[in-house]
Structures are given as structure tokens and as C-alpha cells.
Amino acid sequence: MAEQLPLTPSPQSPRHISVGAFFDRFGPAKWAILADESAQVRAVVRDASVRKFIDLDNDDLPAGLAIIQAAGHQIDADAIVDGPVLPQELP
């Protein structure tokens, strides 16, 4: 009888979206977030803006979104991070 090899999970596709698509995920709050002059929100926006893409699986992303929420912006962090990557969002 042939030896059965354990199944190896297929590597998951990277969950990368364009920077513009990332900001679009903020919905109607996008413009207020981009215009926010508080140092912490400005740092999050700048950090995202200099990247070639946003990795939705980056461990630092929830903390950045929490900073935006703490500044009073009503965003759905779970939907931003866990939403499916649409073809038009690809970098």
C-alpha cells in the first residue's frame, strides 16, 4: 500500500490592495481622515501613503486603524481588514 503524504495547505494569496483602495475602504469618513491634522492620524495616513500597497494581513494594521478610531472617526476596522480583496483594489 502506498504511503499517504499529509496534505499541505496551499499558500494563501497575499491580501494586498492599492493605497487608494485602502483609503476608499474608509467610506464616507475618508475625506475627514485625510484632512485630519492631528499628529497621530497624520502619521497613520503618511505611513500608508508612502507604501506601494497595503498588506491587509500586516500585524500593525489594526493598531493604525485603532488610532484613527480613537481620533473620533467612525470606521469599521473589521470590514477594512477582513473584507474580500476585489479585482479593482489590486495594486
N, C-alpha and C. Protein backbone atom coordinates (compact mmCIF):
# COMPACT_ATOMS: atom_id res chain seq x y z
N MET A 1 0.83 -1.16 0.00
CA MET A 1 0.00 0.00 0.00
C MET A 1 0.89 1.25 0.00
N ALA A 2 0.56 2.21 -0.82
CA ALA A 2 1.36 3.42 -0.94
C ALA A 2 1.19 4.29 0.30
N GLU A 3 2.28 4.87 0.72
CA GLU A 3 2.24 5.76 1.88
C GLU A 3 1.53 7.05 1.50
N GLN A 4 0.62 7.48 2.34
CA GLN A 4 -0.10 8.73 2.07
C GLN A 4 0.65 9.88 2.72
N LEU A 5 0.88 10.88 1.93
CA LEU A 5 1.55 12.07 2.44
C LEU A 5 0.51 13.01 3.04
N PRO A 6 0.86 13.70 4.10
CA PRO A 6 -0.09 14.65 4.68
C PRO A 6 -0.37 15.77 3.69
N LEU A 7 -1.60 16.24 3.73
CA LEU A 7 -1.97 17.36 2.87
C LEU A 7 -1.30 18.62 3.38
N THR A 8 -0.73 19.35 2.47
CA THR A 8 -0.15 20.63 2.85
C THR A 8 -1.07 21.72 2.33
N PRO A 9 -1.38 22.66 3.18
CA PRO A 9 -2.28 23.72 2.72
C PRO A 9 -1.61 24.51 1.60
N SER A 10 -2.42 24.92 0.65
CA SER A 10 -1.87 25.73 -0.43
C SER A 10 -1.59 27.12 0.13
N PRO A 11 -0.52 27.73 -0.34
CA PRO A 11 -0.20 29.05 0.19
C PRO A 11 -1.31 30.04 -0.16
N GLN A 12 -1.67 30.84 0.80
CA GLN A 12 -2.72 31.82 0.58
C GLN A 12 -2.16 32.98 -0.23
N SER A 13 -2.97 33.48 -1.13
CA SER A 13 -2.56 34.64 -1.91
C SER A 13 -2.36 35.82 -0.98
N PRO A 14 -1.38 36.64 -1.26
CA PRO A 14 -1.21 37.82 -0.42
C PRO A 14 -2.44 38.71 -0.53
N ARG A 15 -2.83 39.28 0.57
CA ARG A 15 -4.01 40.16 0.58
C ARG A 15 -3.52 41.60 0.53
N HIS A 16 -3.08 41.99 -0.66
CA HIS A 16 -2.55 43.33 -0.89
C HIS A 16 -3.57 44.14 -1.68
N ILE A 17 -3.76 45.38 -1.29
CA ILE A 17 -4.62 46.29 -2.05
C ILE A 17 -3.84 47.58 -2.29
N SER A 18 -4.29 48.33 -3.29
CA SER A 18 -3.63 49.61 -3.57
C SER A 18 -3.89 50.58 -2.42
N VAL A 19 -3.05 51.57 -2.32
CA VAL A 19 -3.20 52.58 -1.27
C VAL A 19 -4.53 53.31 -1.44
N GLY A 20 -4.88 53.64 -2.67
CA GLY A 20 -6.16 54.30 -2.91
C GLY A 20 -7.34 53.45 -2.49
N ALA A 21 -7.28 52.15 -2.79
CA ALA A 21 -8.36 51.24 -2.38
C ALA A 21 -8.45 51.16 -0.86
N PHE A 22 -7.30 51.21 -0.19
CA PHE A 22 -7.30 51.20 1.27
C PHE A 22 -8.06 52.40 1.81
N PHE A 23 -7.75 53.59 1.31
CA PHE A 23 -8.45 54.78 1.77
C PHE A 23 -9.93 54.73 1.39
N ASP A 24 -10.25 54.16 0.24
CA ASP A 24 -11.66 54.03 -0.16
C ASP A 24 -12.44 53.15 0.82
N ARG A 25 -11.77 52.22 1.46
CA ARG A 25 -12.45 51.34 2.43
C ARG A 25 -12.92 52.11 3.67
N PHE A 26 -12.47 53.34 3.85
CA PHE A 26 -12.95 54.15 4.96
C PHE A 26 -14.35 54.70 4.69
N GLY A 27 -14.84 54.55 3.46
CA GLY A 27 -16.18 55.02 3.13
C GLY A 27 -16.28 56.53 3.24
N PRO A 28 -17.45 57.01 3.72
CA PRO A 28 -17.65 58.46 3.79
C PRO A 28 -16.69 59.18 4.73
N ALA A 29 -16.03 58.46 5.61
CA ALA A 29 -15.08 59.09 6.54
C ALA A 29 -13.73 59.39 5.89
N LYS A 30 -13.54 58.91 4.66
CA LYS A 30 -12.23 59.04 4.01
C LYS A 30 -11.72 60.48 3.99
N TRP A 31 -12.54 61.41 3.56
CA TRP A 31 -12.06 62.79 3.39
C TRP A 31 -11.71 63.42 4.73
N ALA A 32 -12.51 63.16 5.75
CA ALA A 32 -12.21 63.71 7.07
C ALA A 32 -10.91 63.13 7.62
N ILE A 33 -10.67 61.86 7.36
CA ILE A 33 -9.43 61.22 7.83
C ILE A 33 -8.23 61.81 7.10
N LEU A 34 -8.34 61.96 5.79
CA LEU A 34 -7.23 62.52 5.01
C LEU A 34 -6.95 63.97 5.39
N ALA A 35 -7.97 64.69 5.83
CA ALA A 35 -7.81 66.10 6.21
C ALA A 35 -7.46 66.28 7.68
N ASP A 36 -7.51 65.21 8.46
CA ASP A 36 -7.25 65.30 9.90
C ASP A 36 -5.80 65.73 10.14
N GLU A 37 -5.63 66.80 10.87
CA GLU A 37 -4.29 67.34 11.13
C GLU A 37 -3.71 66.89 12.47
N SER A 38 -4.41 66.02 13.20
CA SER A 38 -3.83 65.54 14.46
C SER A 38 -2.59 64.72 14.13
N ALA A 39 -1.60 64.83 14.98
CA ALA A 39 -0.31 64.19 14.70
C ALA A 39 -0.43 62.69 14.51
N GLN A 40 -1.24 62.04 15.32
CA GLN A 40 -1.33 60.58 15.23
C GLN A 40 -2.01 60.12 13.95
N VAL A 41 -3.13 60.75 13.60
CA VAL A 41 -3.82 60.35 12.36
C VAL A 41 -2.95 60.70 11.16
N ARG A 42 -2.32 61.86 11.20
CA ARG A 42 -1.43 62.26 10.10
C ARG A 42 -0.31 61.23 9.93
N ALA A 43 0.21 60.70 11.03
CA ALA A 43 1.27 59.69 10.95
C ALA A 43 0.76 58.40 10.29
N VAL A 44 -0.45 57.99 10.63
CA VAL A 44 -1.02 56.78 10.02
C VAL A 44 -1.23 57.00 8.52
N VAL A 45 -1.79 58.15 8.16
CA VAL A 45 -2.04 58.45 6.75
C VAL A 45 -0.72 58.52 5.98
N ARG A 46 0.27 59.15 6.54
CA ARG A 46 1.57 59.24 5.87
C ARG A 46 2.21 57.87 5.72
N ASP A 47 2.13 57.07 6.77
CA ASP A 47 2.70 55.73 6.73
C ASP A 47 2.06 54.91 5.60
N ALA A 48 0.76 55.00 5.47
CA ALA A 48 0.07 54.26 4.40
C ALA A 48 0.41 54.85 3.03
N SER A 49 0.50 56.17 2.96
CA SER A 49 0.69 56.84 1.68
C SER A 49 2.03 56.55 1.02
N VAL A 50 3.05 56.25 1.79
CA VAL A 50 4.37 56.02 1.20
C VAL A 50 4.57 54.58 0.73
N ARG A 51 3.60 53.74 0.95
CA ARG A 51 3.73 52.32 0.59
C ARG A 51 3.30 52.07 -0.85
N LYS A 52 3.83 50.99 -1.43
CA LYS A 52 3.42 50.59 -2.78
C LYS A 52 2.07 49.90 -2.75
N PHE A 53 1.74 49.29 -1.63
CA PHE A 53 0.46 48.61 -1.44
C PHE A 53 0.23 48.48 0.06
N ILE A 54 -1.00 48.13 0.42
CA ILE A 54 -1.34 47.87 1.82
C ILE A 54 -1.54 46.37 1.98
N ASP A 55 -0.82 45.78 2.91
CA ASP A 55 -0.95 44.35 3.22
C ASP A 55 -2.00 44.22 4.32
N LEU A 56 -3.16 43.69 3.96
CA LEU A 56 -4.25 43.58 4.92
C LEU A 56 -3.94 42.60 6.05
N ASP A 57 -2.91 41.79 5.89
CA ASP A 57 -2.52 40.84 6.93
C ASP A 57 -1.36 41.36 7.79
N ASN A 58 -0.95 42.60 7.57
CA ASN A 58 0.13 43.19 8.36
C ASN A 58 -0.34 43.34 9.81
N ASP A 59 0.45 42.83 10.72
CA ASP A 59 0.08 42.85 12.15
C ASP A 59 -0.07 44.27 12.71
N ASP A 60 0.53 45.26 12.07
CA ASP A 60 0.45 46.64 12.55
C ASP A 60 -0.82 47.36 12.10
N LEU A 61 -1.52 46.80 11.13
CA LEU A 61 -2.68 47.49 10.56
C LEU A 61 -3.79 47.75 11.58
N PRO A 62 -4.19 46.77 12.39
CA PRO A 62 -5.25 47.06 13.37
C PRO A 62 -4.90 48.20 14.33
N ALA A 63 -3.64 48.32 14.71
CA ALA A 63 -3.24 49.41 15.61
C ALA A 63 -3.39 50.76 14.92
N GLY A 64 -3.03 50.83 13.65
CA GLY A 64 -3.21 52.07 12.90
C GLY A 64 -4.67 52.45 12.78
N LEU A 65 -5.51 51.47 12.53
CA LEU A 65 -6.95 51.74 12.43
C LEU A 65 -7.51 52.16 13.79
N ALA A 66 -6.99 51.59 14.87
CA ALA A 66 -7.43 51.97 16.21
C ALA A 66 -7.08 53.43 16.51
N ILE A 67 -5.95 53.90 16.00
CA ILE A 67 -5.57 55.31 16.17
C ILE A 67 -6.59 56.20 15.48
N ILE A 68 -6.99 55.80 14.28
CA ILE A 68 -7.99 56.58 13.53
C ILE A 68 -9.32 56.59 14.28
N GLN A 69 -9.72 55.44 14.82
CA GLN A 69 -10.97 55.37 15.58
C GLN A 69 -10.88 56.21 16.86
N ALA A 70 -9.74 56.16 17.54
CA ALA A 70 -9.57 56.92 18.78
C ALA A 70 -9.65 58.42 18.54
N ALA A 71 -9.35 58.84 17.31
CA ALA A 71 -9.44 60.25 16.95
C ALA A 71 -10.88 60.66 16.64
N GLY A 72 -11.80 59.70 16.75
CA GLY A 72 -13.22 60.01 16.57
C GLY A 72 -13.79 59.69 15.20
N HIS A 73 -13.02 59.06 14.35
CA HIS A 73 -13.52 58.72 13.02
C HIS A 73 -14.27 57.39 13.07
N GLN A 74 -15.46 57.39 12.52
CA GLN A 74 -16.31 56.20 12.53
C GLN A 74 -15.98 55.31 11.34
N ILE A 75 -15.10 54.35 11.57
CA ILE A 75 -14.74 53.39 10.52
C ILE A 75 -15.00 51.99 11.05
N ASP A 76 -15.21 51.07 10.15
CA ASP A 76 -15.41 49.67 10.51
C ASP A 76 -14.09 48.94 10.26
N ALA A 77 -13.27 48.87 11.29
CA ALA A 77 -11.93 48.28 11.14
C ALA A 77 -12.00 46.83 10.68
N ASP A 78 -12.97 46.08 11.18
CA ASP A 78 -13.08 44.67 10.78
C ASP A 78 -13.38 44.56 9.29
N ALA A 79 -14.27 45.40 8.78
CA ALA A 79 -14.60 45.35 7.35
C ALA A 79 -13.41 45.78 6.50
N ILE A 80 -12.64 46.74 6.99
CA ILE A 80 -11.47 47.21 6.26
C ILE A 80 -10.43 46.09 6.15
N VAL A 81 -10.18 45.41 7.25
CA VAL A 81 -9.15 44.37 7.27
C VAL A 81 -9.63 43.05 6.68
N ASP A 82 -10.85 42.66 6.99
CA ASP A 82 -11.32 41.32 6.64
C ASP A 82 -12.14 41.25 5.35
N GLY A 83 -12.49 42.39 4.78
CA GLY A 83 -13.27 42.37 3.55
C GLY A 83 -12.50 41.71 2.42
N PRO A 84 -13.22 41.07 1.50
CA PRO A 84 -12.54 40.41 0.38
C PRO A 84 -11.81 41.43 -0.49
N VAL A 85 -10.71 40.99 -1.08
CA VAL A 85 -9.97 41.85 -2.00
C VAL A 85 -10.63 41.75 -3.37
N LEU A 86 -11.12 42.87 -3.84
CA LEU A 86 -11.80 42.93 -5.13
C LEU A 86 -10.78 43.18 -6.24
N PRO A 87 -11.06 42.72 -7.45
CA PRO A 87 -10.09 42.90 -8.54
C PRO A 87 -9.66 44.35 -8.74
N GLN A 88 -10.59 45.28 -8.59
CA GLN A 88 -10.25 46.70 -8.80
C GLN A 88 -9.43 47.28 -7.66
N GLU A 89 -9.25 46.54 -6.56
CA GLU A 89 -8.44 47.01 -5.45
C GLU A 89 -6.98 46.57 -5.54
N LEU A 90 -6.67 45.70 -6.46
CA LEU A 90 -5.31 45.18 -6.55
C LEU A 90 -4.32 46.27 -6.92
N PRO A 91 -3.11 46.19 -6.34
CA PRO A 91 -2.10 47.21 -6.65
C PRO A 91 -1.59 47.08 -8.07
